[in-house]
Amino acid sequence: MTPEKIIGDLKKNIHKPIYWLEGEESFFIDKIVHFAEHEILNESEAGFNLTVFYGKDADWTTVVNACRRYPMFSEKQVVLIKEAQEMRGIEKLESYIEKPLLSTILVIAYKNKKVDGRTKLAKIIKDKGVLLTTKKLYDNELPDWTQQLVKSKGFTIAGKALFLLIDHIGNDLSRLNNEIDKLALNLGERKNITEDDIEAYVGVSKEFNVYELQHALATRDLYKAIRIAQYFEANPKAAPLPLIFPSLYNFFSKVLMVYSVPAKDEKSLAAAIGVHAFFAKDYLQAAKIYRQQQAENIILLLHEYNLKSIGINDSGTDDALLLKEMIVKMMS
């Protein structure tokens, strides 16, 4: 079951007595918990029938006692355990989960951990309620997910603006959501988010960013790459080396994969190397410009200069100079 399906059912007053929300992606867990806390009960019902526990301070017997209470002036009550991964003796909830009170909706937010699927507890949760295991989105899933998020808020976003936003923020879904909300507030009557909006309200230069540096390297445009490096030198917070190196390493690692992919059309290539189709042309372009040995050398250069940036085999060269030196060697 997906987070959207869970919330959709709750909106229709279709609910299970147990919701165990676990895994790596807190955004989806927080979204369901927020809905359960603020939307299932109306304001007058919540005063009597909403109980919130925090795992670190929660005692399993107190939680069970709360779950076994009958609702007052309502058909149901909601019991939340936030940060349940910090709760001692949480496995002792098993006896309640096996025989839950149907008028209680127990929501357990078990972040960054998973219940062992082989245990009796996991089997009971699946039998009596909903077990949702969340995962971090892969990079190639982010564009479509973000575009759908923008659409759900009643907006559209230009292609390059979308990728500027994703490249700057990465797969921090909570931050992506917050930045989109901020953009929406600033657009006024407009409904389309542009590159200029990303630059103005998110703080990412549409000309001088890691994505544009990657594109300059992919097209072997030394002049543009050095201009971007100079911008980074003047604006150190725009793209520190610890942000640049992983991005370029990921890009050229996938360029290496291109050489072994038989099909060279953009759609097939994107699926084979695990990227969004929008990016496929950049990887194809780079694979045409650089021979395989050159791409491998670029990976080695990234490793070498990453070590230099943390003081290994280097006497303290300025980050900006290291970046420019690396760019020139990549293109030589």
Protein backbone atom coordinates (compact mmCIF):
# COMPACT_ATOMS: atom_id res chain seq x y z
CA MET A 1 0.00 0.00 0.00
CA THR A 2 1.28 3.48 -0.89
CA PRO A 3 1.21 6.60 1.32
CA GLU A 4 -1.29 8.14 -1.11
CA LYS A 5 -3.58 5.10 -0.86
CA ILE A 6 -3.44 5.18 2.96
CA ILE A 7 -4.37 8.88 3.10
CA GLY A 8 -6.99 8.43 0.39
CA ASP A 9 -8.68 5.65 2.39
CA LEU A 10 -8.54 7.66 5.62
CA LYS A 11 -10.24 10.56 3.84
CA LYS A 12 -13.05 8.15 2.91
CA ASN A 13 -13.28 6.97 6.52
CA ILE A 14 -11.82 3.59 5.55
CA HIS A 15 -9.28 2.69 8.19
CA LYS A 16 -7.43 -0.16 9.86
CA PRO A 17 -6.80 -0.37 13.61
CA ILE A 18 -2.98 -0.44 13.16
CA TYR A 19 -0.62 1.55 10.91
CA TRP A 20 3.05 0.65 11.26
CA LEU A 21 5.09 3.16 9.22
CA GLU A 22 8.77 2.30 8.87
CA GLY A 23 11.83 2.77 6.70
CA GLU A 24 14.26 5.31 5.32
CA GLU A 25 12.03 8.04 3.90
CA SER A 26 10.69 10.21 6.72
CA PHE A 27 8.73 12.46 4.35
CA PHE A 28 6.07 9.82 3.64
CA ILE A 29 5.86 8.79 7.29
CA ASP A 30 5.51 12.41 8.43
CA LYS A 31 2.82 13.06 5.83
CA ILE A 32 0.63 10.21 7.11
CA VAL A 33 1.27 11.08 10.76
CA HIS A 34 0.34 14.72 10.10
CA PHE A 35 -2.90 13.65 8.42
CA ALA A 36 -3.74 11.27 11.27
CA GLU A 37 -3.06 13.96 13.88
CA HIS A 38 -4.94 16.81 12.21
CA GLU A 39 -7.50 15.42 9.77
CA ILE A 40 -9.08 12.19 11.03
CA LEU A 41 -10.81 13.85 13.99
CA ASN A 42 -12.45 17.25 13.98
CA GLU A 43 -11.40 19.83 16.54
CA SER A 44 -14.04 18.96 19.13
CA GLU A 45 -13.38 15.20 18.81
CA ALA A 46 -9.59 15.61 19.03
CA GLY A 47 -9.83 17.19 22.49
CA PHE A 48 -11.03 13.88 23.95
CA ASN A 49 -9.81 11.31 21.44
CA LEU A 50 -6.32 12.20 20.26
CA THR A 51 -3.33 10.90 22.23
CA VAL A 52 0.25 11.56 21.12
CA PHE A 53 3.26 9.71 22.52
CA TYR A 54 6.97 10.22 21.78
CA GLY A 55 8.98 7.02 21.68
CA LYS A 56 11.79 8.13 23.95
CA ASP A 57 9.35 8.95 26.76
CA ALA A 58 6.65 6.35 26.05
CA ASP A 59 5.97 3.30 28.19
CA TRP A 60 4.36 0.36 26.39
CA THR A 61 1.82 -0.28 29.15
CA THR A 62 0.66 3.36 29.03
CA VAL A 63 0.33 3.14 25.24
CA VAL A 64 -1.72 -0.08 25.46
CA ASN A 65 -3.98 1.41 28.12
CA ALA A 66 -4.60 4.43 25.91
CA CYS A 67 -5.40 2.19 22.94
CA ARG A 68 -7.88 0.17 24.96
CA ARG A 69 -9.93 3.18 25.97
CA TYR A 70 -13.22 3.71 24.19
CA PRO A 71 -13.70 7.02 22.33
CA MET A 72 -15.77 9.84 23.88
CA PHE A 73 -18.38 11.66 21.77
CA SER A 74 -16.87 10.08 18.66
CA GLU A 75 -16.87 6.80 16.75
CA LYS A 76 -13.10 6.49 16.93
CA GLN A 77 -9.96 7.68 18.69
CA VAL A 78 -6.43 8.19 17.34
CA VAL A 79 -3.26 7.18 19.18
CA LEU A 80 0.09 8.25 17.68
CA ILE A 81 3.58 7.09 18.61
CA LYS A 82 6.08 9.51 17.05
CA GLU A 83 9.77 8.52 16.88
CA ALA A 84 8.70 5.00 17.84
CA GLN A 85 12.16 3.65 16.96
CA GLU A 86 13.34 5.14 20.28
CA MET A 87 10.68 3.39 22.37
CA ARG A 88 11.94 0.69 24.73
CA GLY A 89 9.94 -2.52 24.77
CA ILE A 90 8.03 -1.66 21.63
CA GLU A 91 7.82 -5.36 20.75
CA LYS A 92 5.55 -5.75 23.80
CA LEU A 93 2.81 -4.01 21.84
CA GLU A 94 2.43 -7.34 20.05
CA SER A 95 -0.32 -8.55 22.42
CA TYR A 96 -2.42 -5.45 21.72
CA ILE A 97 -1.78 -5.51 17.96
CA GLU A 98 -2.96 -9.13 17.91
CA LYS A 99 -6.33 -8.10 19.43
CA PRO A 100 -6.75 -4.37 18.72
CA LEU A 101 -9.77 -2.29 19.62
CA LEU A 102 -11.52 -1.52 16.33
CA SER A 103 -12.53 1.98 17.46
CA THR A 104 -8.84 2.90 17.97
CA ILE A 105 -6.53 3.93 15.13
CA LEU A 106 -2.96 3.32 16.32
CA VAL A 107 -0.29 4.95 14.14
CA ILE A 108 3.34 3.97 14.83
CA ALA A 109 6.10 6.04 13.17
CA TYR A 110 9.13 3.74 13.21
CA LYS A 111 11.65 5.83 11.27
CA ASN A 112 14.91 4.60 9.74
CA LYS A 113 14.33 1.07 11.00
CA LYS A 114 12.33 -1.96 9.92
CA VAL A 115 10.56 -4.68 11.84
CA ASP A 116 12.01 -8.10 11.03
CA GLY A 117 9.64 -9.55 8.45
CA ARG A 118 10.20 -13.09 9.80
CA THR A 119 8.89 -12.26 13.27
CA LYS A 120 5.43 -12.87 14.65
CA LEU A 121 5.06 -9.10 15.18
CA ALA A 122 5.49 -8.36 11.47
CA LYS A 123 2.98 -11.06 10.50
CA ILE A 124 0.40 -9.77 13.01
CA ILE A 125 0.79 -6.17 11.77
CA LYS A 126 0.16 -7.30 8.18
CA ASP A 127 -2.83 -9.37 9.29
CA LYS A 128 -4.49 -6.79 11.53
CA GLY A 129 -3.42 -3.53 9.95
CA VAL A 130 -1.09 -1.84 7.46
CA LEU A 131 2.69 -2.23 7.30
CA LEU A 132 4.22 0.52 5.14
CA THR A 133 7.95 0.31 4.42
CA THR A 134 9.33 3.50 2.88
CA LYS A 135 12.46 3.83 0.76
CA LYS A 136 14.55 6.74 -0.47
CA LEU A 137 13.75 7.64 -4.06
CA TYR A 138 16.37 6.84 -6.67
CA ASP A 139 17.82 9.81 -8.57
CA ASN A 140 16.00 8.85 -11.75
CA GLU A 141 12.67 8.82 -9.85
CA LEU A 142 13.03 12.35 -8.48
CA PRO A 143 12.01 14.34 -11.60
CA ASP A 144 8.67 12.57 -12.07
CA TRP A 145 7.95 12.57 -8.32
CA THR A 146 8.75 16.28 -8.00
CA GLN A 147 6.72 17.13 -11.08
CA GLN A 148 3.73 15.29 -9.63
CA LEU A 149 4.19 17.10 -6.31
CA VAL A 150 4.18 20.46 -8.13
CA LYS A 151 1.07 19.40 -10.07
CA SER A 152 -0.71 18.33 -6.86
CA LYS A 153 -0.27 21.89 -5.56
CA GLY A 154 -1.87 23.34 -8.70
CA PHE A 155 1.30 24.43 -10.51
CA THR A 156 3.53 23.43 -13.43
CA ILE A 157 7.31 23.69 -13.68
CA ALA A 158 9.58 24.25 -16.69
CA GLY A 159 11.96 21.41 -17.53
CA LYS A 160 15.23 23.14 -16.70
CA ALA A 161 13.74 24.73 -13.59
CA LEU A 162 12.77 21.26 -12.37
CA PHE A 163 16.28 19.92 -12.79
CA LEU A 164 17.89 23.00 -11.26
CA LEU A 165 15.74 22.46 -8.19
CA ILE A 166 16.50 18.74 -7.96
CA ASP A 167 20.21 19.16 -8.62
CA HIS A 168 20.46 21.76 -5.86
CA ILE A 169 18.43 19.90 -3.22
CA GLY A 170 18.84 16.23 -4.11
CA ASN A 171 16.48 13.61 -2.66
CA ASP A 172 15.60 15.49 0.52
CA LEU A 173 11.85 15.26 -0.12
CA SER A 174 10.86 17.40 2.86
CA ARG A 175 13.08 20.23 1.66
CA LEU A 176 11.84 19.86 -1.92
CA ASN A 177 8.28 20.14 -0.63
CA ASN A 178 9.14 23.22 1.46
CA GLU A 179 10.90 24.95 -1.43
CA ILE A 180 7.95 24.30 -3.75
CA ASP A 181 5.60 25.75 -1.13
CA LYS A 182 7.87 28.82 -0.90
CA LEU A 183 7.87 29.20 -4.68
CA ALA A 184 4.07 28.91 -4.77
CA LEU A 185 3.73 31.71 -2.22
CA ASN A 186 5.89 34.02 -4.30
CA LEU A 187 4.38 33.40 -7.73
CA GLY A 188 1.30 35.53 -7.23
CA GLU A 189 -1.23 34.73 -9.94
CA ARG A 190 1.23 32.78 -12.08
CA LYS A 191 1.04 28.99 -12.13
CA ASN A 192 4.28 28.04 -13.91
CA ILE A 193 7.61 27.87 -12.08
CA THR A 194 10.53 29.06 -14.24
CA GLU A 195 14.33 29.07 -14.00
CA ASP A 196 14.16 32.71 -12.94
CA ASP A 197 11.90 31.73 -10.02
CA ILE A 198 14.38 29.07 -8.90
CA GLU A 199 17.17 31.63 -9.03
CA ALA A 200 15.16 34.31 -7.18
CA TYR A 201 13.48 32.27 -4.46
CA VAL A 202 15.61 29.13 -3.98
CA GLY A 203 18.92 30.91 -4.43
CA VAL A 204 20.39 28.84 -7.26
CA SER A 205 22.02 30.67 -10.15
CA LYS A 206 20.49 29.45 -13.39
CA GLU A 207 23.85 29.90 -15.17
CA PHE A 208 26.38 28.97 -12.49
CA ASN A 209 25.53 25.73 -10.72
CA VAL A 210 26.71 22.12 -10.51
CA TYR A 211 24.32 21.00 -13.26
CA GLU A 212 25.73 23.62 -15.66
CA LEU A 213 29.29 22.64 -14.70
CA GLN A 214 28.43 19.03 -15.45
CA HIS A 215 26.98 20.08 -18.82
CA ALA A 216 30.09 22.14 -19.63
CA LEU A 217 32.29 19.14 -18.90
CA ALA A 218 30.01 16.86 -20.92
CA THR A 219 30.34 19.15 -23.94
CA ARG A 220 34.03 19.89 -23.28
CA ASP A 221 33.36 23.61 -22.97
CA LEU A 222 36.44 24.74 -21.05
CA TYR A 223 35.57 28.44 -21.15
CA LYS A 224 32.15 27.89 -19.61
CA ALA A 225 33.50 25.44 -17.01
CA ILE A 226 36.17 27.90 -15.84
CA ARG A 227 33.60 30.74 -15.65
CA ILE A 228 31.43 28.54 -13.41
CA ALA A 229 34.46 27.69 -11.26
CA GLN A 230 35.21 31.42 -10.91
CA TYR A 231 31.61 32.03 -9.82
CA PHE A 232 31.98 29.29 -7.19
CA GLU A 233 35.21 30.95 -6.05
CA ALA A 234 33.39 34.26 -5.55
CA ASN A 235 30.37 32.52 -3.96
CA PRO A 236 31.81 29.67 -1.84
CA LYS A 237 28.41 28.63 -0.47
CA ALA A 238 26.95 28.16 -3.96
CA ALA A 239 28.73 24.85 -4.56
CA PRO A 240 31.35 23.63 -2.06
CA LEU A 241 33.63 20.83 -3.26
CA PRO A 242 31.86 18.15 -1.13
CA LEU A 243 28.75 18.92 -3.21
CA ILE A 244 30.55 19.05 -6.57
CA PHE A 245 32.59 15.84 -6.36
CA PRO A 246 29.70 13.36 -5.75
CA SER A 247 27.63 14.95 -8.52
CA LEU A 248 30.43 14.73 -11.10
CA TYR A 249 31.42 11.23 -9.94
CA ASN A 250 27.84 10.04 -10.37
CA PHE A 251 27.65 11.62 -13.82
CA PHE A 252 30.89 10.16 -15.20
CA SER A 253 30.21 6.76 -13.59
CA LYS A 254 27.05 6.61 -15.68
CA VAL A 255 28.95 7.86 -18.76
CA LEU A 256 31.15 4.76 -18.34
CA MET A 257 28.01 2.63 -18.39
CA VAL A 258 26.99 4.14 -21.75
CA TYR A 259 29.88 2.42 -23.56
CA SER A 260 28.49 -1.02 -22.68
CA VAL A 261 24.84 -0.30 -23.55
CA PRO A 262 23.98 -1.68 -27.02
CA ALA A 263 21.01 0.64 -27.64
CA LYS A 264 21.91 4.30 -28.04
CA ASP A 265 18.48 5.88 -28.32
CA GLU A 266 17.73 8.19 -25.38
CA LYS A 267 14.80 6.26 -23.92
CA SER A 268 16.56 2.87 -23.91
CA LEU A 269 19.79 4.38 -22.63
CA ALA A 270 18.03 6.20 -19.78
CA ALA A 271 16.38 2.96 -18.65
CA ALA A 272 19.65 1.02 -18.89
CA ILE A 273 21.79 3.41 -16.83
CA GLY A 274 19.07 4.48 -14.40
CA VAL A 275 18.54 8.15 -15.23
CA HIS A 276 15.59 10.28 -16.31
CA ALA A 277 15.13 10.49 -20.08
CA PHE A 278 15.64 14.27 -19.93
CA PHE A 279 19.30 13.69 -19.00
CA ALA A 280 20.08 10.94 -21.52
CA LYS A 281 21.37 13.30 -24.21
CA ASP A 282 24.04 14.67 -21.83
CA TYR A 283 25.42 11.17 -21.18
CA LEU A 284 25.36 10.33 -24.90
CA GLN A 285 27.11 13.60 -25.71
CA ALA A 286 29.83 12.98 -23.13
CA ALA A 287 30.36 9.41 -24.34
CA LYS A 288 30.89 10.71 -27.89
CA ILE A 289 33.33 13.43 -26.82
CA TYR A 290 35.36 11.35 -24.37
CA ARG A 291 36.80 7.93 -25.12
CA GLN A 292 36.23 5.26 -22.49
CA GLN A 293 39.82 5.55 -21.23
CA GLN A 294 39.40 9.30 -20.85
CA ALA A 295 36.19 8.84 -18.83
CA GLU A 296 38.01 6.37 -16.59
CA ASN A 297 40.82 8.90 -16.11
CA ILE A 298 38.25 11.54 -15.11
CA ILE A 299 36.94 9.21 -12.39
CA LEU A 300 40.53 8.81 -11.13
CA LEU A 301 41.02 12.59 -11.19
CA LEU A 302 37.86 13.08 -9.13
CA HIS A 303 39.18 10.63 -6.54
CA GLU A 304 42.60 12.32 -6.52
CA TYR A 305 41.21 15.83 -6.10
CA ASN A 306 38.68 14.73 -3.51
CA LEU A 307 41.62 13.50 -1.41
CA LYS A 308 43.51 16.74 -2.03
CA SER A 309 40.52 18.78 -0.89
CA ILE A 310 40.73 17.12 2.55
CA GLY A 311 44.49 17.61 2.79
CA ILE A 312 45.81 14.27 1.52
CA ASN A 313 48.81 14.66 -0.81
CA ASP A 314 48.26 18.42 -0.81
CA SER A 315 49.79 21.22 1.25
CA GLY A 316 46.60 23.31 1.55
CA THR A 317 45.78 24.49 -1.97
CA ASP A 318 42.69 26.71 -2.16
CA ASP A 319 39.49 24.84 -3.16
CA ALA A 320 38.86 27.13 -6.13
CA LEU A 321 42.34 26.50 -7.51
CA LEU A 322 41.93 22.75 -7.03
CA LEU A 323 38.66 22.84 -8.98
CA LYS A 324 40.11 24.83 -11.87
CA GLU A 325 43.19 22.61 -12.02
CA MET A 326 41.01 19.48 -12.07
CA ILE A 327 38.75 20.89 -14.83
CA VAL A 328 41.72 21.64 -17.07
CA LYS A 329 43.17 18.14 -16.55
CA MET A 330 39.78 16.55 -17.29
CA MET A 331 39.58 18.28 -20.64
CA SER A 332 43.23 17.95 -21.65
